[in-house]
Protein backbone atom coordinates (compact mmCIF):
# COMPACT_ATOMS: atom_id res chain seq x y z
CA UNK A 1 0.00 0.00 0.00
CA UNK A 2 2.80 2.43 0.91
CA UNK A 3 4.49 1.98 -2.46
CA UNK A 4 1.17 2.56 -4.26
CA UNK A 5 0.54 5.76 -2.30
CA UNK A 6 4.07 7.01 -2.95
CA UNK A 7 3.72 6.36 -6.67
CA UNK A 8 0.39 8.16 -6.81
CA UNK A 9 1.79 11.19 -4.99
CA UNK A 10 4.90 11.23 -7.13
CA UNK A 11 2.77 11.26 -10.25
CA UNK A 12 0.34 14.01 -9.21
CA UNK A 13 3.16 16.26 -8.03
CA UNK A 14 4.07 16.71 -11.69
CA UNK A 15 0.89 18.80 -11.97
CA UNK A 16 1.70 22.31 -10.80
CA UNK A 17 -1.43 23.97 -12.18
CA UNK A 18 -4.87 22.83 -13.28
CA UNK A 19 -6.47 19.52 -12.38
CA UNK A 20 -7.17 17.61 -15.62
CA UNK A 21 -4.26 15.20 -15.26
CA UNK A 22 -5.11 14.53 -11.63
CA UNK A 23 -8.73 13.90 -12.59
CA UNK A 24 -7.55 11.46 -15.25
CA UNK A 25 -5.33 9.65 -12.73
CA UNK A 26 -8.28 9.38 -10.35
CA UNK A 27 -10.43 7.87 -13.09
CA UNK A 28 -7.81 5.24 -13.85
CA UNK A 29 -7.44 4.36 -10.17
CA UNK A 30 -11.20 3.99 -9.68
CA UNK A 31 -11.46 1.67 -12.69
CA UNK A 32 -8.68 -0.59 -11.46
CA UNK A 33 -9.51 -0.78 -7.76
CA UNK A 34 -12.45 -1.79 -5.60
CA UNK A 35 -14.62 0.78 -3.87
CA UNK A 36 -13.13 -0.24 -0.52
CA UNK A 37 -9.60 0.22 -1.85
CA UNK A 38 -10.56 3.62 -3.23
CA UNK A 39 -11.89 4.70 0.15
CA UNK A 40 -8.87 3.42 2.07
CA UNK A 41 -6.38 5.00 -0.35
CA UNK A 42 -8.25 8.31 -0.36
CA UNK A 43 -8.18 8.57 3.42
CA UNK A 44 -4.41 8.12 3.38
CA UNK A 45 -3.97 10.65 0.57
CA UNK A 46 -6.03 13.22 2.48
CA UNK A 47 -3.38 13.27 5.19
CA UNK A 48 -0.69 14.25 2.67
CA UNK A 49 1.02 17.62 2.93
CA UNK A 50 0.66 18.01 -0.84
CA UNK A 51 -2.59 19.55 -2.04
CA UNK A 52 -2.32 17.62 -5.33
CA UNK A 53 -2.57 14.35 -3.38
CA UNK A 54 -5.62 15.67 -1.54
CA UNK A 55 -7.15 16.73 -4.86
CA UNK A 56 -6.63 13.19 -6.15
CA UNK A 57 -8.30 11.78 -3.04
CA UNK A 58 -11.27 14.11 -3.50
CA UNK A 59 -11.74 13.11 -7.13
CA UNK A 60 -11.62 9.43 -6.16
CA UNK A 61 -14.11 9.92 -3.33
CA UNK A 62 -16.49 11.74 -5.66
CA UNK A 63 -16.35 8.86 -8.11
CA UNK A 64 -17.31 6.24 -5.53
CA UNK A 65 -19.60 8.35 -3.31
CA UNK A 66 -22.74 7.00 -5.02
CA UNK A 67 -21.66 3.49 -4.06
CA UNK A 68 -20.28 4.11 -0.57
CA UNK A 69 -21.76 6.29 2.17
CA UNK A 70 -18.36 6.46 3.84
CA UNK A 71 -16.92 8.23 0.82
CA UNK A 72 -19.73 10.81 0.86
CA UNK A 73 -19.28 11.33 4.58
CA UNK A 74 -15.54 11.82 4.08
CA UNK A 75 -16.19 14.52 1.49
CA UNK A 76 -18.59 16.36 3.75
CA UNK A 77 -16.81 16.04 7.07
CA UNK A 78 -13.13 15.94 6.13
CA UNK A 79 -12.47 17.36 2.67
CA UNK A 80 -14.67 20.38 3.40
CA UNK A 81 -12.26 21.37 6.18
CA UNK A 82 -9.22 21.46 3.91
CA UNK A 83 -7.73 24.96 3.94
CA UNK A 84 -6.48 24.85 0.34
CA UNK A 85 -8.88 26.57 -2.07
CA UNK A 86 -7.86 24.21 -4.88
CA UNK A 87 -9.11 21.23 -2.91
CA UNK A 88 -12.41 23.04 -2.31
CA UNK A 89 -12.81 23.50 -6.06
CA UNK A 90 -12.42 19.75 -6.50
CA UNK A 91 -14.91 19.13 -3.68
CA UNK A 92 -17.48 21.03 -5.75
CA UNK A 93 -16.71 18.82 -8.76
CA UNK A 94 -16.87 15.70 -6.60
CA UNK A 95 -20.30 16.67 -5.31
CA UNK A 96 -21.55 17.20 -8.85
CA UNK A 97 -20.19 13.78 -9.84
CA UNK A 98 -22.17 12.21 -7.02
CA UNK A 99 -25.36 14.03 -8.08
CA UNK A 100 -24.84 13.04 -11.71
CA UNK A 101 -24.24 9.40 -10.80
CA UNK A 102 -27.45 9.01 -8.81
CA UNK A 103 -29.47 11.52 -10.85
CA UNK A 104 -30.06 15.15 -9.87
CA UNK A 105 -33.69 14.55 -8.93
CA UNK A 106 -32.65 11.70 -6.64
CA UNK A 107 -29.95 13.94 -5.19
CA UNK A 108 -32.37 16.72 -4.18
CA UNK A 109 -32.51 15.59 -0.56
CA UNK A 110 -28.70 15.64 -0.31
CA UNK A 111 -28.50 18.95 -2.16
CA UNK A 112 -30.89 20.55 0.34
CA UNK A 113 -29.04 18.98 3.26
CA UNK A 114 -25.67 20.31 2.10
CA UNK A 115 -27.09 23.76 1.38
CA UNK A 116 -28.07 24.00 5.06
CA UNK A 117 -24.78 22.73 6.46
CA UNK A 118 -22.96 24.94 8.98
CA UNK A 119 -19.69 24.66 7.03
CA UNK A 120 -19.58 27.27 4.26
CA UNK A 121 -17.37 25.00 2.13
CA UNK A 122 -20.09 22.36 2.14
CA UNK A 123 -22.71 24.89 1.06
CA UNK A 124 -20.47 26.27 -1.67
CA UNK A 125 -19.68 22.78 -2.96
CA UNK A 126 -23.32 22.64 -4.02
CA UNK A 127 -23.80 26.17 -5.35
CA UNK A 128 -20.56 26.02 -7.32
CA UNK A 129 -20.49 22.33 -8.20
CA UNK A 130 -23.83 22.30 -10.01
CA UNK A 131 -23.08 25.32 -12.22
CA UNK A 132 -24.53 25.79 -14.70
CA UNK A 133 -27.49 24.45 -12.72
CA UNK A 134 -29.97 24.56 -15.57
CA UNK A 135 -27.55 22.63 -17.73
CA UNK A 136 -27.99 19.63 -15.43
CA UNK A 137 -30.70 17.03 -15.94
CA UNK A 138 -33.86 17.63 -13.89
CA UNK A 139 -32.99 21.32 -13.51
CA UNK A 140 -33.14 21.70 -17.30
CA UNK A 141 -36.89 21.08 -16.99
CA UNK A 142 -37.23 22.62 -13.53
CA UNK A 143 -35.27 25.89 -13.59
CA UNK A 144 -37.48 27.44 -10.92
CA UNK A 145 -36.41 24.77 -8.43
CA UNK A 146 -32.76 25.66 -9.05
CA UNK A 147 -33.49 29.37 -8.65
CA UNK A 148 -35.38 28.84 -5.40
CA UNK A 149 -32.72 26.59 -3.91
CA UNK A 150 -29.96 29.07 -4.71
CA UNK A 151 -31.98 32.06 -3.51
CA UNK A 152 -32.20 30.59 -0.02
CA UNK A 153 -28.53 31.52 0.35
CA UNK A 154 -28.79 35.09 -0.97
CA UNK A 155 -27.88 36.45 2.49
CA UNK A 156 -25.49 33.67 3.48
CA UNK A 157 -23.04 34.69 6.19
CA UNK A 158 -20.15 33.74 3.89
CA UNK A 159 -19.28 36.14 1.08
CA UNK A 160 -17.57 33.17 -0.58
CA UNK A 161 -20.95 31.44 -0.81
CA UNK A 162 -22.92 34.56 -1.76
CA UNK A 163 -20.62 35.22 -4.70
CA UNK A 164 -21.13 31.66 -5.91
CA UNK A 165 -24.90 32.03 -5.55
CA UNK A 166 -24.94 35.32 -7.43
CA UNK A 167 -22.83 33.95 -10.25
CA UNK A 168 -24.94 30.80 -10.47
CA UNK A 169 -28.14 32.85 -10.78
CA UNK A 170 -26.44 35.04 -13.37
CA UNK A 171 -25.67 31.90 -15.39
CA UNK A 172 -29.29 30.81 -15.20
CA UNK A 173 -30.56 34.25 -16.25
CA UNK A 174 -29.01 33.83 -19.70
CA UNK A 175 -31.77 31.35 -20.59
CA UNK A 176 -34.37 32.10 -17.94
CA UNK A 177 -34.30 35.86 -17.68
CA UNK A 178 -37.89 36.35 -16.56
CA UNK A 179 -37.78 33.65 -13.87
CA UNK A 180 -34.61 35.08 -12.34
CA UNK A 181 -35.92 38.64 -12.53
CA UNK A 182 -39.15 37.65 -10.80
CA UNK A 183 -37.15 36.10 -7.98
CA UNK A 184 -34.77 39.05 -7.62
CA UNK A 185 -37.68 41.50 -7.53
CA UNK A 186 -38.77 39.87 -4.26
CA UNK A 187 -35.46 40.62 -2.52
CA UNK A 188 -35.00 43.43 -0.05
CA UNK A 189 -31.85 45.34 -0.92
CA UNK A 190 -31.61 47.05 2.45
CA UNK A 191 -29.42 44.12 3.51
CA UNK A 192 -25.85 44.67 2.26
CA UNK A 193 -25.24 40.92 2.01
CA UNK A 194 -28.26 40.48 -0.25
CA UNK A 195 -27.17 43.49 -2.27
CA UNK A 196 -23.87 41.80 -3.20
CA UNK A 197 -25.66 38.65 -4.37
CA UNK A 198 -28.19 40.77 -6.28
CA UNK A 199 -25.51 42.76 -8.07
CA UNK A 200 -23.90 39.57 -9.38
CA UNK A 201 -27.16 37.81 -10.18
CA UNK A 202 -28.65 40.75 -12.08
CA UNK A 203 -25.64 41.40 -14.31
CA UNK A 204 -27.45 40.36 -17.51
CA UNK A 205 -30.89 41.65 -16.58
C-alpha atoms as a PDB file:
ATOM      1  CA  UNK A   1       0.000   0.000   0.000  1.00  0.00           C
ATOM      2  CA  UNK A   2       2.804   2.427   0.909  1.00  0.00           C
ATOM      3  CA  UNK A   3       4.486   1.984  -2.464  1.00  0.00           C
ATOM      4  CA  UNK A   4       1.173   2.563  -4.259  1.00  0.00           C
ATOM      5  CA  UNK A   5       0.544   5.755  -2.299  1.00  0.00           C
ATOM      6  CA  UNK A   6       4.068   7.005  -2.951  1.00  0.00           C
ATOM      7  CA  UNK A   7       3.723   6.358  -6.667  1.00  0.00           C
ATOM      8  CA  UNK A   8       0.393   8.161  -6.813  1.00  0.00           C
ATOM      9  CA  UNK A   9       1.790  11.187  -4.988  1.00  0.00           C
ATOM     10  CA  UNK A  10       4.904  11.225  -7.127  1.00  0.00           C
ATOM     11  CA  UNK A  11       2.768  11.262 -10.254  1.00  0.00           C
ATOM     12  CA  UNK A  12       0.340  14.010  -9.206  1.00  0.00           C
ATOM     13  CA  UNK A  13       3.159  16.262  -8.031  1.00  0.00           C
ATOM     14  CA  UNK A  14       4.065  16.706 -11.691  1.00  0.00           C
ATOM     15  CA  UNK A  15       0.893  18.800 -11.968  1.00  0.00           C
ATOM     16  CA  UNK A  16       1.703  22.312 -10.796  1.00  0.00           C
ATOM     17  CA  UNK A  17      -1.430  23.970 -12.183  1.00  0.00           C
ATOM     18  CA  UNK A  18      -4.867  22.828 -13.276  1.00  0.00           C
ATOM     19  CA  UNK A  19      -6.474  19.518 -12.384  1.00  0.00           C
ATOM     20  CA  UNK A  20      -7.174  17.609 -15.615  1.00  0.00           C
ATOM     21  CA  UNK A  21      -4.260  15.196 -15.262  1.00  0.00           C
ATOM     22  CA  UNK A  22      -5.106  14.527 -11.632  1.00  0.00           C
ATOM     23  CA  UNK A  23      -8.726  13.899 -12.587  1.00  0.00           C
ATOM     24  CA  UNK A  24      -7.545  11.463 -15.248  1.00  0.00           C
ATOM     25  CA  UNK A  25      -5.332   9.648 -12.729  1.00  0.00           C
ATOM     26  CA  UNK A  26      -8.282   9.382 -10.349  1.00  0.00           C
ATOM     27  CA  UNK A  27     -10.432   7.866 -13.087  1.00  0.00           C
ATOM     28  CA  UNK A  28      -7.807   5.244 -13.847  1.00  0.00           C
ATOM     29  CA  UNK A  29      -7.437   4.363 -10.173  1.00  0.00           C
ATOM     30  CA  UNK A  30     -11.198   3.986  -9.685  1.00  0.00           C
ATOM     31  CA  UNK A  31     -11.460   1.674 -12.692  1.00  0.00           C
ATOM     32  CA  UNK A  32      -8.677  -0.586 -11.462  1.00  0.00           C
ATOM     33  CA  UNK A  33      -9.510  -0.784  -7.757  1.00  0.00           C
ATOM     34  CA  UNK A  34     -12.455  -1.786  -5.603  1.00  0.00           C
ATOM     35  CA  UNK A  35     -14.623   0.778  -3.865  1.00  0.00           C
ATOM     36  CA  UNK A  36     -13.134  -0.240  -0.524  1.00  0.00           C
ATOM     37  CA  UNK A  37      -9.599   0.219  -1.854  1.00  0.00           C
ATOM     38  CA  UNK A  38     -10.563   3.617  -3.229  1.00  0.00           C
ATOM     39  CA  UNK A  39     -11.893   4.695   0.149  1.00  0.00           C
ATOM     40  CA  UNK A  40      -8.871   3.422   2.070  1.00  0.00           C
ATOM     41  CA  UNK A  41      -6.385   4.996  -0.346  1.00  0.00           C
ATOM     42  CA  UNK A  42      -8.254   8.309  -0.356  1.00  0.00           C
ATOM     43  CA  UNK A  43      -8.184   8.567   3.425  1.00  0.00           C
ATOM     44  CA  UNK A  44      -4.412   8.116   3.384  1.00  0.00           C
ATOM     45  CA  UNK A  45      -3.973  10.652   0.573  1.00  0.00           C
ATOM     46  CA  UNK A  46      -6.031  13.219   2.484  1.00  0.00           C
ATOM     47  CA  UNK A  47      -3.376  13.270   5.191  1.00  0.00           C
ATOM     48  CA  UNK A  48      -0.693  14.246   2.667  1.00  0.00           C
ATOM     49  CA  UNK A  49       1.018  17.621   2.929  1.00  0.00           C
ATOM     50  CA  UNK A  50       0.662  18.010  -0.841  1.00  0.00           C
ATOM     51  CA  UNK A  51      -2.587  19.553  -2.045  1.00  0.00           C
ATOM     52  CA  UNK A  52      -2.315  17.623  -5.325  1.00  0.00           C
ATOM     53  CA  UNK A  53      -2.572  14.350  -3.383  1.00  0.00           C
ATOM     54  CA  UNK A  54      -5.624  15.665  -1.538  1.00  0.00           C
ATOM     55  CA  UNK A  55      -7.155  16.725  -4.856  1.00  0.00           C
ATOM     56  CA  UNK A  56      -6.633  13.194  -6.151  1.00  0.00           C
ATOM     57  CA  UNK A  57      -8.298  11.782  -3.041  1.00  0.00           C
ATOM     58  CA  UNK A  58     -11.268  14.107  -3.503  1.00  0.00           C
ATOM     59  CA  UNK A  59     -11.739  13.106  -7.129  1.00  0.00           C
ATOM     60  CA  UNK A  60     -11.615   9.428  -6.161  1.00  0.00           C
ATOM     61  CA  UNK A  61     -14.108   9.916  -3.334  1.00  0.00           C
ATOM     62  CA  UNK A  62     -16.492  11.743  -5.659  1.00  0.00           C
ATOM     63  CA  UNK A  63     -16.351   8.865  -8.113  1.00  0.00           C
ATOM     64  CA  UNK A  64     -17.312   6.238  -5.527  1.00  0.00           C
ATOM     65  CA  UNK A  65     -19.601   8.345  -3.311  1.00  0.00           C
ATOM     66  CA  UNK A  66     -22.740   7.000  -5.015  1.00  0.00           C
ATOM     67  CA  UNK A  67     -21.664   3.487  -4.057  1.00  0.00           C
ATOM     68  CA  UNK A  68     -20.285   4.112  -0.574  1.00  0.00           C
ATOM     69  CA  UNK A  69     -21.763   6.295   2.175  1.00  0.00           C
ATOM     70  CA  UNK A  70     -18.358   6.458   3.840  1.00  0.00           C
ATOM     71  CA  UNK A  71     -16.921   8.234   0.815  1.00  0.00           C
ATOM     72  CA  UNK A  72     -19.734  10.810   0.856  1.00  0.00           C
ATOM     73  CA  UNK A  73     -19.278  11.334   4.578  1.00  0.00           C
ATOM     74  CA  UNK A  74     -15.539  11.823   4.078  1.00  0.00           C
ATOM     75  CA  UNK A  75     -16.194  14.522   1.485  1.00  0.00           C
ATOM     76  CA  UNK A  76     -18.595  16.357   3.749  1.00  0.00           C
ATOM     77  CA  UNK A  77     -16.808  16.037   7.071  1.00  0.00           C
ATOM     78  CA  UNK A  78     -13.132  15.939   6.128  1.00  0.00           C
ATOM     79  CA  UNK A  79     -12.470  17.358   2.671  1.00  0.00           C
ATOM     80  CA  UNK A  80     -14.667  20.381   3.396  1.00  0.00           C
ATOM     81  CA  UNK A  81     -12.263  21.373   6.180  1.00  0.00           C
ATOM     82  CA  UNK A  82      -9.219  21.459   3.908  1.00  0.00           C
ATOM     83  CA  UNK A  83      -7.725  24.958   3.938  1.00  0.00           C
ATOM     84  CA  UNK A  84      -6.484  24.852   0.343  1.00  0.00           C
ATOM     85  CA  UNK A  85      -8.882  26.572  -2.067  1.00  0.00           C
ATOM     86  CA  UNK A  86      -7.863  24.214  -4.876  1.00  0.00           C
ATOM     87  CA  UNK A  87      -9.114  21.229  -2.908  1.00  0.00           C
ATOM     88  CA  UNK A  88     -12.410  23.037  -2.313  1.00  0.00           C
ATOM     89  CA  UNK A  89     -12.812  23.500  -6.063  1.00  0.00           C
ATOM     90  CA  UNK A  90     -12.415  19.748  -6.495  1.00  0.00           C
ATOM     91  CA  UNK A  91     -14.911  19.131  -3.684  1.00  0.00           C
ATOM     92  CA  UNK A  92     -17.478  21.030  -5.755  1.00  0.00           C
ATOM     93  CA  UNK A  93     -16.709  18.825  -8.757  1.00  0.00           C
ATOM     94  CA  UNK A  94     -16.875  15.701  -6.601  1.00  0.00           C
ATOM     95  CA  UNK A  95     -20.305  16.673  -5.307  1.00  0.00           C
ATOM     96  CA  UNK A  96     -21.548  17.200  -8.848  1.00  0.00           C
ATOM     97  CA  UNK A  97     -20.190  13.784  -9.837  1.00  0.00           C
ATOM     98  CA  UNK A  98     -22.169  12.213  -7.016  1.00  0.00           C
ATOM     99  CA  UNK A  99     -25.360  14.026  -8.084  1.00  0.00           C
ATOM    100  CA  UNK A 100     -24.835  13.038 -11.707  1.00  0.00           C
ATOM    101  CA  UNK A 101     -24.238   9.400 -10.796  1.00  0.00           C
ATOM    102  CA  UNK A 102     -27.454   9.008  -8.808  1.00  0.00           C
ATOM    103  CA  UNK A 103     -29.474  11.519 -10.855  1.00  0.00           C
ATOM    104  CA  UNK A 104     -30.064  15.153  -9.868  1.00  0.00           C
ATOM    105  CA  UNK A 105     -33.685  14.546  -8.933  1.00  0.00           C
ATOM    106  CA  UNK A 106     -32.651  11.703  -6.637  1.00  0.00           C
ATOM    107  CA  UNK A 107     -29.949  13.936  -5.193  1.00  0.00           C
ATOM    108  CA  UNK A 108     -32.367  16.718  -4.181  1.00  0.00           C
ATOM    109  CA  UNK A 109     -32.508  15.588  -0.561  1.00  0.00           C
ATOM    110  CA  UNK A 110     -28.703  15.637  -0.306  1.00  0.00           C
ATOM    111  CA  UNK A 111     -28.501  18.952  -2.165  1.00  0.00           C
ATOM    112  CA  UNK A 112     -30.889  20.550   0.339  1.00  0.00           C
ATOM    113  CA  UNK A 113     -29.041  18.981   3.258  1.00  0.00           C
ATOM    114  CA  UNK A 114     -25.665  20.306   2.096  1.00  0.00           C
ATOM    115  CA  UNK A 115     -27.089  23.760   1.382  1.00  0.00           C
ATOM    116  CA  UNK A 116     -28.074  23.998   5.061  1.00  0.00           C
ATOM    117  CA  UNK A 117     -24.781  22.733   6.465  1.00  0.00           C
ATOM    118  CA  UNK A 118     -22.960  24.936   8.980  1.00  0.00           C
ATOM    119  CA  UNK A 119     -19.689  24.658   7.027  1.00  0.00           C
ATOM    120  CA  UNK A 120     -19.578  27.274   4.261  1.00  0.00           C
ATOM    121  CA  UNK A 121     -17.366  25.001   2.130  1.00  0.00           C
ATOM    122  CA  UNK A 122     -20.091  22.359   2.139  1.00  0.00           C
ATOM    123  CA  UNK A 123     -22.706  24.891   1.064  1.00  0.00           C
ATOM    124  CA  UNK A 124     -20.472  26.275  -1.675  1.00  0.00           C
ATOM    125  CA  UNK A 125     -19.676  22.784  -2.962  1.00  0.00           C
ATOM    126  CA  UNK A 126     -23.324  22.645  -4.021  1.00  0.00           C
ATOM    127  CA  UNK A 127     -23.803  26.172  -5.351  1.00  0.00           C
ATOM    128  CA  UNK A 128     -20.564  26.015  -7.322  1.00  0.00           C
ATOM    129  CA  UNK A 129     -20.487  22.328  -8.203  1.00  0.00           C
ATOM    130  CA  UNK A 130     -23.829  22.301 -10.005  1.00  0.00           C
ATOM    131  CA  UNK A 131     -23.080  25.323 -12.223  1.00  0.00           C
ATOM    132  CA  UNK A 132     -24.530  25.787 -14.704  1.00  0.00           C
ATOM    133  CA  UNK A 133     -27.489  24.451 -12.721  1.00  0.00           C
ATOM    134  CA  UNK A 134     -29.973  24.562 -15.571  1.00  0.00           C
ATOM    135  CA  UNK A 135     -27.548  22.630 -17.729  1.00  0.00           C
ATOM    136  CA  UNK A 136     -27.986  19.627 -15.431  1.00  0.00           C
ATOM    137  CA  UNK A 137     -30.702  17.025 -15.944  1.00  0.00           C
ATOM    138  CA  UNK A 138     -33.856  17.631 -13.887  1.00  0.00           C
ATOM    139  CA  UNK A 139     -32.990  21.323 -13.508  1.00  0.00           C
ATOM    140  CA  UNK A 140     -33.140  21.705 -17.297  1.00  0.00           C
ATOM    141  CA  UNK A 141     -36.894  21.081 -16.990  1.00  0.00           C
ATOM    142  CA  UNK A 142     -37.226  22.617 -13.531  1.00  0.00           C
ATOM    143  CA  UNK A 143     -35.270  25.893 -13.590  1.00  0.00           C
ATOM    144  CA  UNK A 144     -37.478  27.442 -10.916  1.00  0.00           C
ATOM    145  CA  UNK A 145     -36.409  24.765  -8.430  1.00  0.00           C
ATOM    146  CA  UNK A 146     -32.758  25.663  -9.049  1.00  0.00           C
ATOM    147  CA  UNK A 147     -33.494  29.371  -8.654  1.00  0.00           C
ATOM    148  CA  UNK A 148     -35.383  28.844  -5.404  1.00  0.00           C
ATOM    149  CA  UNK A 149     -32.716  26.589  -3.912  1.00  0.00           C
ATOM    150  CA  UNK A 150     -29.964  29.072  -4.712  1.00  0.00           C
ATOM    151  CA  UNK A 151     -31.977  32.060  -3.509  1.00  0.00           C
ATOM    152  CA  UNK A 152     -32.197  30.592  -0.024  1.00  0.00           C
ATOM    153  CA  UNK A 153     -28.535  31.519   0.346  1.00  0.00           C
ATOM    154  CA  UNK A 154     -28.792  35.091  -0.968  1.00  0.00           C
ATOM    155  CA  UNK A 155     -27.884  36.449   2.487  1.00  0.00           C
ATOM    156  CA  UNK A 156     -25.495  33.668   3.480  1.00  0.00           C
ATOM    157  CA  UNK A 157     -23.039  34.694   6.192  1.00  0.00           C
ATOM    158  CA  UNK A 158     -20.155  33.740   3.892  1.00  0.00           C
ATOM    159  CA  UNK A 159     -19.278  36.139   1.078  1.00  0.00           C
ATOM    160  CA  UNK A 160     -17.571  33.168  -0.576  1.00  0.00           C
ATOM    161  CA  UNK A 161     -20.952  31.438  -0.806  1.00  0.00           C
ATOM    162  CA  UNK A 162     -22.921  34.559  -1.755  1.00  0.00           C
ATOM    163  CA  UNK A 163     -20.622  35.217  -4.702  1.00  0.00           C
ATOM    164  CA  UNK A 164     -21.131  31.658  -5.911  1.00  0.00           C
ATOM    165  CA  UNK A 165     -24.905  32.028  -5.549  1.00  0.00           C
ATOM    166  CA  UNK A 166     -24.938  35.324  -7.425  1.00  0.00           C
ATOM    167  CA  UNK A 167     -22.833  33.953 -10.249  1.00  0.00           C
ATOM    168  CA  UNK A 168     -24.943  30.801 -10.470  1.00  0.00           C
ATOM    169  CA  UNK A 169     -28.136  32.849 -10.782  1.00  0.00           C
ATOM    170  CA  UNK A 170     -26.441  35.041 -13.367  1.00  0.00           C
ATOM    171  CA  UNK A 171     -25.668  31.901 -15.391  1.00  0.00           C
ATOM    172  CA  UNK A 172     -29.287  30.814 -15.200  1.00  0.00           C
ATOM    173  CA  UNK A 173     -30.558  34.252 -16.248  1.00  0.00           C
ATOM    174  CA  UNK A 174     -29.014  33.827 -19.701  1.00  0.00           C
ATOM    175  CA  UNK A 175     -31.772  31.348 -20.593  1.00  0.00           C
ATOM    176  CA  UNK A 176     -34.366  32.096 -17.940  1.00  0.00           C
ATOM    177  CA  UNK A 177     -34.298  35.856 -17.683  1.00  0.00           C
ATOM    178  CA  UNK A 178     -37.893  36.351 -16.561  1.00  0.00           C
ATOM    179  CA  UNK A 179     -37.776  33.653 -13.869  1.00  0.00           C
ATOM    180  CA  UNK A 180     -34.609  35.077 -12.339  1.00  0.00           C
ATOM    181  CA  UNK A 181     -35.925  38.636 -12.528  1.00  0.00           C
ATOM    182  CA  UNK A 182     -39.153  37.653 -10.803  1.00  0.00           C
ATOM    183  CA  UNK A 183     -37.149  36.104  -7.980  1.00  0.00           C
ATOM    184  CA  UNK A 184     -34.772  39.051  -7.625  1.00  0.00           C
ATOM    185  CA  UNK A 185     -37.681  41.497  -7.526  1.00  0.00           C
ATOM    186  CA  UNK A 186     -38.772  39.869  -4.255  1.00  0.00           C
ATOM    187  CA  UNK A 187     -35.464  40.620  -2.525  1.00  0.00           C
ATOM    188  CA  UNK A 188     -35.001  43.433  -0.050  1.00  0.00           C
ATOM    189  CA  UNK A 189     -31.847  45.337  -0.921  1.00  0.00           C
ATOM    190  CA  UNK A 190     -31.612  47.051   2.454  1.00  0.00           C
ATOM    191  CA  UNK A 191     -29.418  44.118   3.505  1.00  0.00           C
ATOM    192  CA  UNK A 192     -25.847  44.667   2.262  1.00  0.00           C
ATOM    193  CA  UNK A 193     -25.240  40.916   2.006  1.00  0.00           C
ATOM    194  CA  UNK A 194     -28.261  40.476  -0.246  1.00  0.00           C
ATOM    195  CA  UNK A 195     -27.174  43.492  -2.268  1.00  0.00           C
ATOM    196  CA  UNK A 196     -23.873  41.802  -3.204  1.00  0.00           C
ATOM    197  CA  UNK A 197     -25.657  38.650  -4.372  1.00  0.00           C
ATOM    198  CA  UNK A 198     -28.194  40.772  -6.275  1.00  0.00           C
ATOM    199  CA  UNK A 199     -25.505  42.762  -8.070  1.00  0.00           C
ATOM    200  CA  UNK A 200     -23.899  39.571  -9.382  1.00  0.00           C
ATOM    201  CA  UNK A 201     -27.164  37.807 -10.181  1.00  0.00           C
ATOM    202  CA  UNK A 202     -28.652  40.751 -12.085  1.00  0.00           C
ATOM    203  CA  UNK A 203     -25.639  41.400 -14.310  1.00  0.00           C
ATOM    204  CA  UNK A 204     -27.449  40.361 -17.511  1.00  0.00           C
ATOM    205  CA  UNK A 205     -30.895  41.653 -16.583  1.00  0.00           C
END
